[in-house]
Every structure is written in structure tokens, then in C-alpha cells.
Amino acid sequence: MTNKDSFFENVYEVVRKIPFGRVTSYGAIAEYLGTRGSARMVGWAMNASHNGLLNVPAHRVVNRAGLLTGKHHFGGPRVMQQLLESEGIKIKDDAVVSFVSLFWDPKKELA
């Protein structure tokens, strides 16, 4: 990953590569970018991506346990869940069911 762009742009580039029907975590993105420990900054990037102009599938980014911790940034309490369910991802109690099998690790997938 190059440092020619801003951190947020680097995050968006990774998130755009998450396949349909898969999820990743804020921390996995941070680690891939070489900024382990900056998962919160990845979250800020996801929050800033909701203007509709960036074409970033932010709904595919969850916390390390598969919880929909960013759901309140999607314009309604169930929007993130609905977006994930539209991709065939099952959600129960605000968590991705089968999180481990659906987890997309950019460090492995983009190596």
C-alpha cells in the first residue's frame, strides 16, 4: 500500500475490495495498512464515507467480534443490517452470524 494518498483514501481503497457477501474488521484494515492500533481511525474513515459520493461499502466493516458497532452512522438503526442481509449475510443480535467463515482478511487476500 502506498502512502501517496491520505489515510482515509487508503482505507477506502481497501474497503472497496471487500467482496460481496463478506465482512472485515476495522483492525484488520488498520493492520493491512501498516498502522496496527489505529482501528478507531479506520472507524472514523468509515463514518466519513457516508456522503454517497465515495462508493464505499462501509456496511461490510464490523468490529473484531463481528458486531455492527457502526450501525448508527447509516441513517437508521437497521440500515447496516439490511445492507448486509441483502448480500446474504445473516445477522442476529447486531452480530454477523458465521463471522469467522465470512471474514475477509485483507492481509491474506491482498498479499
N, C-alpha and C. Protein backbone atom coordinates (compact mmCIF):
# COMPACT_ATOMS: atom_id res chain seq x y z
N MET A 1 0.85 -1.17 0.00
CA MET A 1 0.00 0.00 0.00
C MET A 1 0.89 1.23 0.00
N THR A 2 0.57 2.18 -0.83
CA THR A 2 1.38 3.38 -0.91
C THR A 2 0.88 4.43 0.06
N ASN A 3 1.72 5.36 0.38
CA ASN A 3 1.34 6.45 1.27
C ASN A 3 1.07 7.73 0.49
N LYS A 4 0.88 7.62 -0.83
CA LYS A 4 0.68 8.82 -1.65
C LYS A 4 -0.65 9.50 -1.36
N ASP A 5 -1.62 8.73 -0.90
CA ASP A 5 -2.93 9.29 -0.59
C ASP A 5 -3.09 9.45 0.91
N SER A 6 -4.17 10.08 1.31
CA SER A 6 -4.44 10.22 2.73
C SER A 6 -4.79 8.87 3.34
N PHE A 7 -4.72 8.79 4.64
CA PHE A 7 -5.08 7.56 5.34
C PHE A 7 -6.50 7.14 4.99
N PHE A 8 -7.44 8.08 5.02
CA PHE A 8 -8.84 7.75 4.70
C PHE A 8 -8.95 7.17 3.30
N GLU A 9 -8.27 7.74 2.34
CA GLU A 9 -8.33 7.21 0.97
C GLU A 9 -7.75 5.80 0.89
N ASN A 10 -6.69 5.55 1.64
CA ASN A 10 -6.13 4.19 1.68
C ASN A 10 -7.13 3.21 2.27
N VAL A 11 -7.83 3.64 3.31
CA VAL A 11 -8.87 2.80 3.91
C VAL A 11 -9.96 2.52 2.88
N TYR A 12 -10.42 3.55 2.19
CA TYR A 12 -11.50 3.38 1.21
C TYR A 12 -11.08 2.43 0.10
N GLU A 13 -9.83 2.49 -0.31
CA GLU A 13 -9.34 1.61 -1.36
C GLU A 13 -9.44 0.14 -0.93
N VAL A 14 -9.11 -0.13 0.33
CA VAL A 14 -9.21 -1.50 0.84
C VAL A 14 -10.67 -1.91 0.95
N VAL A 15 -11.50 -1.06 1.50
CA VAL A 15 -12.91 -1.40 1.72
C VAL A 15 -13.62 -1.67 0.39
N ARG A 16 -13.26 -0.96 -0.64
CA ARG A 16 -13.88 -1.20 -1.95
C ARG A 16 -13.55 -2.59 -2.50
N LYS A 17 -12.52 -3.24 -1.95
CA LYS A 17 -12.12 -4.56 -2.43
C LYS A 17 -12.77 -5.71 -1.64
N ILE A 18 -13.49 -5.38 -0.58
CA ILE A 18 -14.16 -6.43 0.20
C ILE A 18 -15.23 -7.04 -0.70
N PRO A 19 -15.19 -8.34 -0.92
CA PRO A 19 -16.17 -8.97 -1.81
C PRO A 19 -17.60 -8.92 -1.27
N PHE A 20 -18.54 -8.90 -2.17
CA PHE A 20 -19.96 -9.00 -1.85
C PHE A 20 -20.17 -10.24 -0.97
N GLY A 21 -20.91 -10.07 0.11
CA GLY A 21 -21.21 -11.20 0.98
C GLY A 21 -20.13 -11.55 1.98
N ARG A 22 -19.14 -10.69 2.11
CA ARG A 22 -18.03 -10.90 3.06
C ARG A 22 -17.91 -9.66 3.95
N VAL A 23 -17.24 -9.80 5.08
CA VAL A 23 -17.02 -8.70 6.01
C VAL A 23 -15.57 -8.72 6.48
N THR A 24 -15.13 -7.57 6.97
CA THR A 24 -13.82 -7.47 7.60
C THR A 24 -13.96 -6.58 8.82
N SER A 25 -12.85 -6.36 9.52
CA SER A 25 -12.90 -5.55 10.73
C SER A 25 -12.05 -4.29 10.58
N TYR A 26 -12.34 -3.34 11.43
CA TYR A 26 -11.56 -2.10 11.46
C TYR A 26 -10.09 -2.41 11.70
N GLY A 27 -9.83 -3.31 12.65
CA GLY A 27 -8.45 -3.66 12.99
C GLY A 27 -7.71 -4.36 11.87
N ALA A 28 -8.42 -5.22 11.13
CA ALA A 28 -7.77 -5.93 10.01
C ALA A 28 -7.35 -4.94 8.93
N ILE A 29 -8.16 -3.94 8.69
CA ILE A 29 -7.81 -2.91 7.71
C ILE A 29 -6.60 -2.12 8.21
N ALA A 30 -6.64 -1.72 9.47
CA ALA A 30 -5.51 -0.97 10.03
C ALA A 30 -4.23 -1.77 9.95
N GLU A 31 -4.30 -3.04 10.29
CA GLU A 31 -3.09 -3.88 10.23
C GLU A 31 -2.59 -4.00 8.80
N TYR A 32 -3.47 -4.19 7.85
CA TYR A 32 -3.07 -4.28 6.45
C TYR A 32 -2.35 -3.01 6.00
N LEU A 33 -2.83 -1.87 6.47
CA LEU A 33 -2.24 -0.59 6.08
C LEU A 33 -0.94 -0.29 6.83
N GLY A 34 -0.54 -1.21 7.73
CA GLY A 34 0.70 -1.00 8.47
C GLY A 34 0.54 -0.05 9.62
N THR A 35 -0.69 0.16 10.07
CA THR A 35 -0.96 1.07 11.18
C THR A 35 -1.72 0.35 12.28
N ARG A 36 -1.22 -0.81 12.65
CA ARG A 36 -1.86 -1.60 13.69
C ARG A 36 -2.10 -0.73 14.91
N GLY A 37 -3.26 -0.83 15.48
CA GLY A 37 -3.60 0.01 16.62
C GLY A 37 -4.41 1.24 16.23
N SER A 38 -4.64 1.41 14.94
CA SER A 38 -5.41 2.57 14.51
C SER A 38 -6.80 2.19 14.01
N ALA A 39 -7.37 1.14 14.60
CA ALA A 39 -8.71 0.70 14.20
C ALA A 39 -9.72 1.82 14.37
N ARG A 40 -9.57 2.63 15.40
CA ARG A 40 -10.50 3.74 15.62
C ARG A 40 -10.46 4.73 14.46
N MET A 41 -9.27 4.98 13.93
CA MET A 41 -9.15 5.88 12.77
C MET A 41 -9.84 5.29 11.55
N VAL A 42 -9.77 3.96 11.40
CA VAL A 42 -10.49 3.30 10.31
C VAL A 42 -11.98 3.53 10.50
N GLY A 43 -12.45 3.45 11.73
CA GLY A 43 -13.85 3.74 12.03
C GLY A 43 -14.22 5.17 11.66
N TRP A 44 -13.35 6.10 11.94
CA TRP A 44 -13.62 7.50 11.56
C TRP A 44 -13.71 7.63 10.05
N ALA A 45 -12.85 6.92 9.34
CA ALA A 45 -12.90 6.94 7.88
C ALA A 45 -14.24 6.38 7.39
N MET A 46 -14.70 5.30 8.03
CA MET A 46 -15.99 4.72 7.64
C MET A 46 -17.12 5.71 7.91
N ASN A 47 -17.07 6.40 9.04
CA ASN A 47 -18.10 7.39 9.36
C ASN A 47 -18.11 8.53 8.34
N ALA A 48 -16.95 8.89 7.85
CA ALA A 48 -16.85 9.98 6.88
C ALA A 48 -17.22 9.55 5.47
N SER A 49 -17.41 8.27 5.25
CA SER A 49 -17.67 7.76 3.90
C SER A 49 -19.15 7.76 3.52
N HIS A 50 -20.01 8.18 4.41
CA HIS A 50 -21.45 8.05 4.20
C HIS A 50 -22.08 9.19 3.39
N ASN A 51 -21.31 9.94 2.68
CA ASN A 51 -21.89 11.05 1.91
C ASN A 51 -22.45 10.59 0.57
N GLY A 52 -22.29 9.33 0.23
CA GLY A 52 -22.84 8.80 -1.01
C GLY A 52 -22.00 9.04 -2.24
N LEU A 53 -20.99 9.84 -2.14
CA LEU A 53 -20.16 10.17 -3.30
C LEU A 53 -18.95 9.27 -3.45
N LEU A 54 -18.57 8.58 -2.39
CA LEU A 54 -17.33 7.83 -2.39
C LEU A 54 -17.47 6.37 -2.82
N ASN A 55 -18.68 5.85 -2.89
CA ASN A 55 -18.92 4.47 -3.29
C ASN A 55 -18.08 3.49 -2.46
N VAL A 56 -18.23 3.59 -1.14
CA VAL A 56 -17.50 2.75 -0.20
C VAL A 56 -18.51 1.86 0.53
N PRO A 57 -18.39 0.53 0.42
CA PRO A 57 -19.32 -0.37 1.11
C PRO A 57 -18.99 -0.49 2.59
N ALA A 58 -19.16 0.60 3.31
CA ALA A 58 -18.80 0.66 4.74
C ALA A 58 -19.57 -0.34 5.58
N HIS A 59 -20.71 -0.78 5.12
CA HIS A 59 -21.50 -1.75 5.89
C HIS A 59 -20.78 -3.09 6.04
N ARG A 60 -19.78 -3.35 5.22
CA ARG A 60 -19.03 -4.60 5.29
C ARG A 60 -17.91 -4.56 6.34
N VAL A 61 -17.79 -3.46 7.06
CA VAL A 61 -16.75 -3.33 8.08
C VAL A 61 -17.41 -3.35 9.46
N VAL A 62 -17.01 -4.32 10.27
CA VAL A 62 -17.59 -4.52 11.59
C VAL A 62 -16.45 -4.58 12.61
N ASN A 63 -16.80 -4.75 13.88
CA ASN A 63 -15.71 -4.83 14.86
C ASN A 63 -15.11 -6.23 14.89
N ARG A 64 -14.10 -6.42 15.69
CA ARG A 64 -13.32 -7.67 15.67
C ARG A 64 -14.13 -8.89 16.11
N ALA A 65 -15.28 -8.67 16.73
CA ALA A 65 -16.14 -9.78 17.15
C ALA A 65 -17.32 -9.97 16.19
N GLY A 66 -17.37 -9.15 15.14
CA GLY A 66 -18.45 -9.25 14.18
C GLY A 66 -19.67 -8.42 14.53
N LEU A 67 -19.55 -7.53 15.51
CA LEU A 67 -20.67 -6.69 15.92
C LEU A 67 -20.81 -5.47 15.01
N LEU A 68 -22.05 -5.07 14.78
CA LEU A 68 -22.35 -3.92 13.92
C LEU A 68 -22.22 -2.63 14.73
N THR A 69 -21.02 -2.33 15.17
CA THR A 69 -20.80 -1.19 16.05
C THR A 69 -20.98 0.15 15.35
N GLY A 70 -20.91 0.19 14.04
CA GLY A 70 -21.07 1.45 13.31
C GLY A 70 -22.48 1.68 12.79
N LYS A 71 -23.43 0.86 13.23
CA LYS A 71 -24.78 0.89 12.65
C LYS A 71 -25.48 2.23 12.79
N HIS A 72 -25.17 3.00 13.80
CA HIS A 72 -25.85 4.28 14.00
C HIS A 72 -25.41 5.35 13.00
N HIS A 73 -24.43 5.06 12.17
CA HIS A 73 -23.97 6.02 11.16
C HIS A 73 -24.60 5.81 9.79
N PHE A 74 -25.56 4.91 9.70
CA PHE A 74 -26.15 4.56 8.41
C PHE A 74 -27.52 5.19 8.16
N GLY A 75 -27.92 6.13 8.97
CA GLY A 75 -29.18 6.83 8.74
C GLY A 75 -30.40 6.15 9.31
N GLY A 76 -30.21 5.09 10.03
CA GLY A 76 -31.30 4.38 10.67
C GLY A 76 -30.74 3.19 11.41
N PRO A 77 -31.43 2.75 12.47
CA PRO A 77 -30.87 1.69 13.31
C PRO A 77 -30.74 0.32 12.64
N ARG A 78 -31.44 0.10 11.53
CA ARG A 78 -31.39 -1.22 10.88
C ARG A 78 -30.80 -1.17 9.47
N VAL A 79 -30.36 -0.03 9.02
CA VAL A 79 -29.88 0.10 7.64
C VAL A 79 -28.65 -0.77 7.39
N MET A 80 -27.68 -0.73 8.30
CA MET A 80 -26.47 -1.54 8.12
C MET A 80 -26.84 -3.02 8.05
N GLN A 81 -27.69 -3.44 8.96
CA GLN A 81 -28.13 -4.84 8.97
C GLN A 81 -28.84 -5.19 7.66
N GLN A 82 -29.70 -4.32 7.19
CA GLN A 82 -30.43 -4.58 5.95
C GLN A 82 -29.47 -4.69 4.76
N LEU A 83 -28.46 -3.84 4.73
CA LEU A 83 -27.48 -3.91 3.64
C LEU A 83 -26.73 -5.23 3.66
N LEU A 84 -26.33 -5.66 4.84
CA LEU A 84 -25.62 -6.94 4.96
C LEU A 84 -26.54 -8.10 4.60
N GLU A 85 -27.77 -8.06 5.07
CA GLU A 85 -28.72 -9.13 4.76
C GLU A 85 -29.03 -9.19 3.27
N SER A 86 -29.00 -8.05 2.60
CA SER A 86 -29.24 -8.04 1.15
C SER A 86 -28.12 -8.74 0.40
N GLU A 87 -26.98 -8.95 1.07
CA GLU A 87 -25.85 -9.68 0.49
C GLU A 87 -25.83 -11.13 0.97
N GLY A 88 -26.86 -11.54 1.68
CA GLY A 88 -26.94 -12.91 2.15
C GLY A 88 -26.28 -13.17 3.49
N ILE A 89 -25.86 -12.12 4.17
CA ILE A 89 -25.20 -12.25 5.47
C ILE A 89 -26.27 -12.23 6.55
N LYS A 90 -26.28 -13.26 7.38
CA LYS A 90 -27.25 -13.34 8.46
C LYS A 90 -26.75 -12.56 9.67
N ILE A 91 -27.68 -11.82 10.29
CA ILE A 91 -27.38 -11.02 11.46
C ILE A 91 -28.30 -11.45 12.59
N LYS A 92 -27.74 -11.61 13.77
CA LYS A 92 -28.54 -11.91 14.95
C LYS A 92 -28.00 -11.11 16.11
N ASP A 93 -28.88 -10.37 16.79
CA ASP A 93 -28.48 -9.54 17.93
C ASP A 93 -27.32 -8.61 17.58
N ASP A 94 -27.45 -7.95 16.43
CA ASP A 94 -26.44 -6.98 15.96
C ASP A 94 -25.06 -7.59 15.73
N ALA A 95 -25.01 -8.88 15.42
CA ALA A 95 -23.73 -9.54 15.15
C ALA A 95 -23.84 -10.40 13.90
N VAL A 96 -22.74 -10.50 13.17
CA VAL A 96 -22.68 -11.33 11.96
C VAL A 96 -22.64 -12.80 12.40
N VAL A 97 -23.63 -13.56 11.92
CA VAL A 97 -23.66 -15.00 12.16
C VAL A 97 -22.60 -15.61 11.24
N SER A 98 -21.87 -16.58 11.72
CA SER A 98 -20.78 -17.22 10.97
C SER A 98 -19.69 -16.21 10.60
N PHE A 99 -19.40 -15.32 11.53
CA PHE A 99 -18.41 -14.26 11.30
C PHE A 99 -17.07 -14.83 10.83
N VAL A 100 -16.59 -15.87 11.48
CA VAL A 100 -15.27 -16.42 11.14
C VAL A 100 -15.22 -16.88 9.69
N SER A 101 -16.27 -17.56 9.23
CA SER A 101 -16.25 -18.07 7.86
C SER A 101 -16.48 -16.97 6.82
N LEU A 102 -17.09 -15.87 7.22
CA LEU A 102 -17.34 -14.75 6.29
C LEU A 102 -16.24 -13.69 6.34
N PHE A 103 -15.33 -13.84 7.29
CA PHE A 103 -14.29 -12.82 7.49
C PHE A 103 -13.33 -12.79 6.31
N TRP A 104 -13.10 -11.59 5.79
CA TRP A 104 -12.18 -11.34 4.68
C TRP A 104 -11.00 -10.59 5.26
N ASP A 105 -9.83 -11.22 5.23
CA ASP A 105 -8.63 -10.61 5.80
C ASP A 105 -7.80 -9.99 4.67
N PRO A 106 -7.76 -8.65 4.62
CA PRO A 106 -7.01 -8.01 3.53
C PRO A 106 -5.54 -8.38 3.51
N LYS A 107 -4.97 -8.68 4.66
CA LYS A 107 -3.55 -9.04 4.71
C LYS A 107 -3.29 -10.34 3.94
N LYS A 108 -4.24 -11.25 3.97
CA LYS A 108 -4.12 -12.51 3.24
C LYS A 108 -4.64 -12.38 1.82
N GLU A 109 -5.75 -11.72 1.65
CA GLU A 109 -6.41 -11.66 0.35
C GLU A 109 -5.74 -10.70 -0.63
N LEU A 110 -5.08 -9.69 -0.12
CA LEU A 110 -4.45 -8.69 -0.99
C LEU A 110 -2.93 -8.81 -0.99
N ALA A 111 -2.43 -9.92 -0.52
CA ALA A 111 -0.97 -10.12 -0.44
C ALA A 111 -0.37 -10.24 -1.83
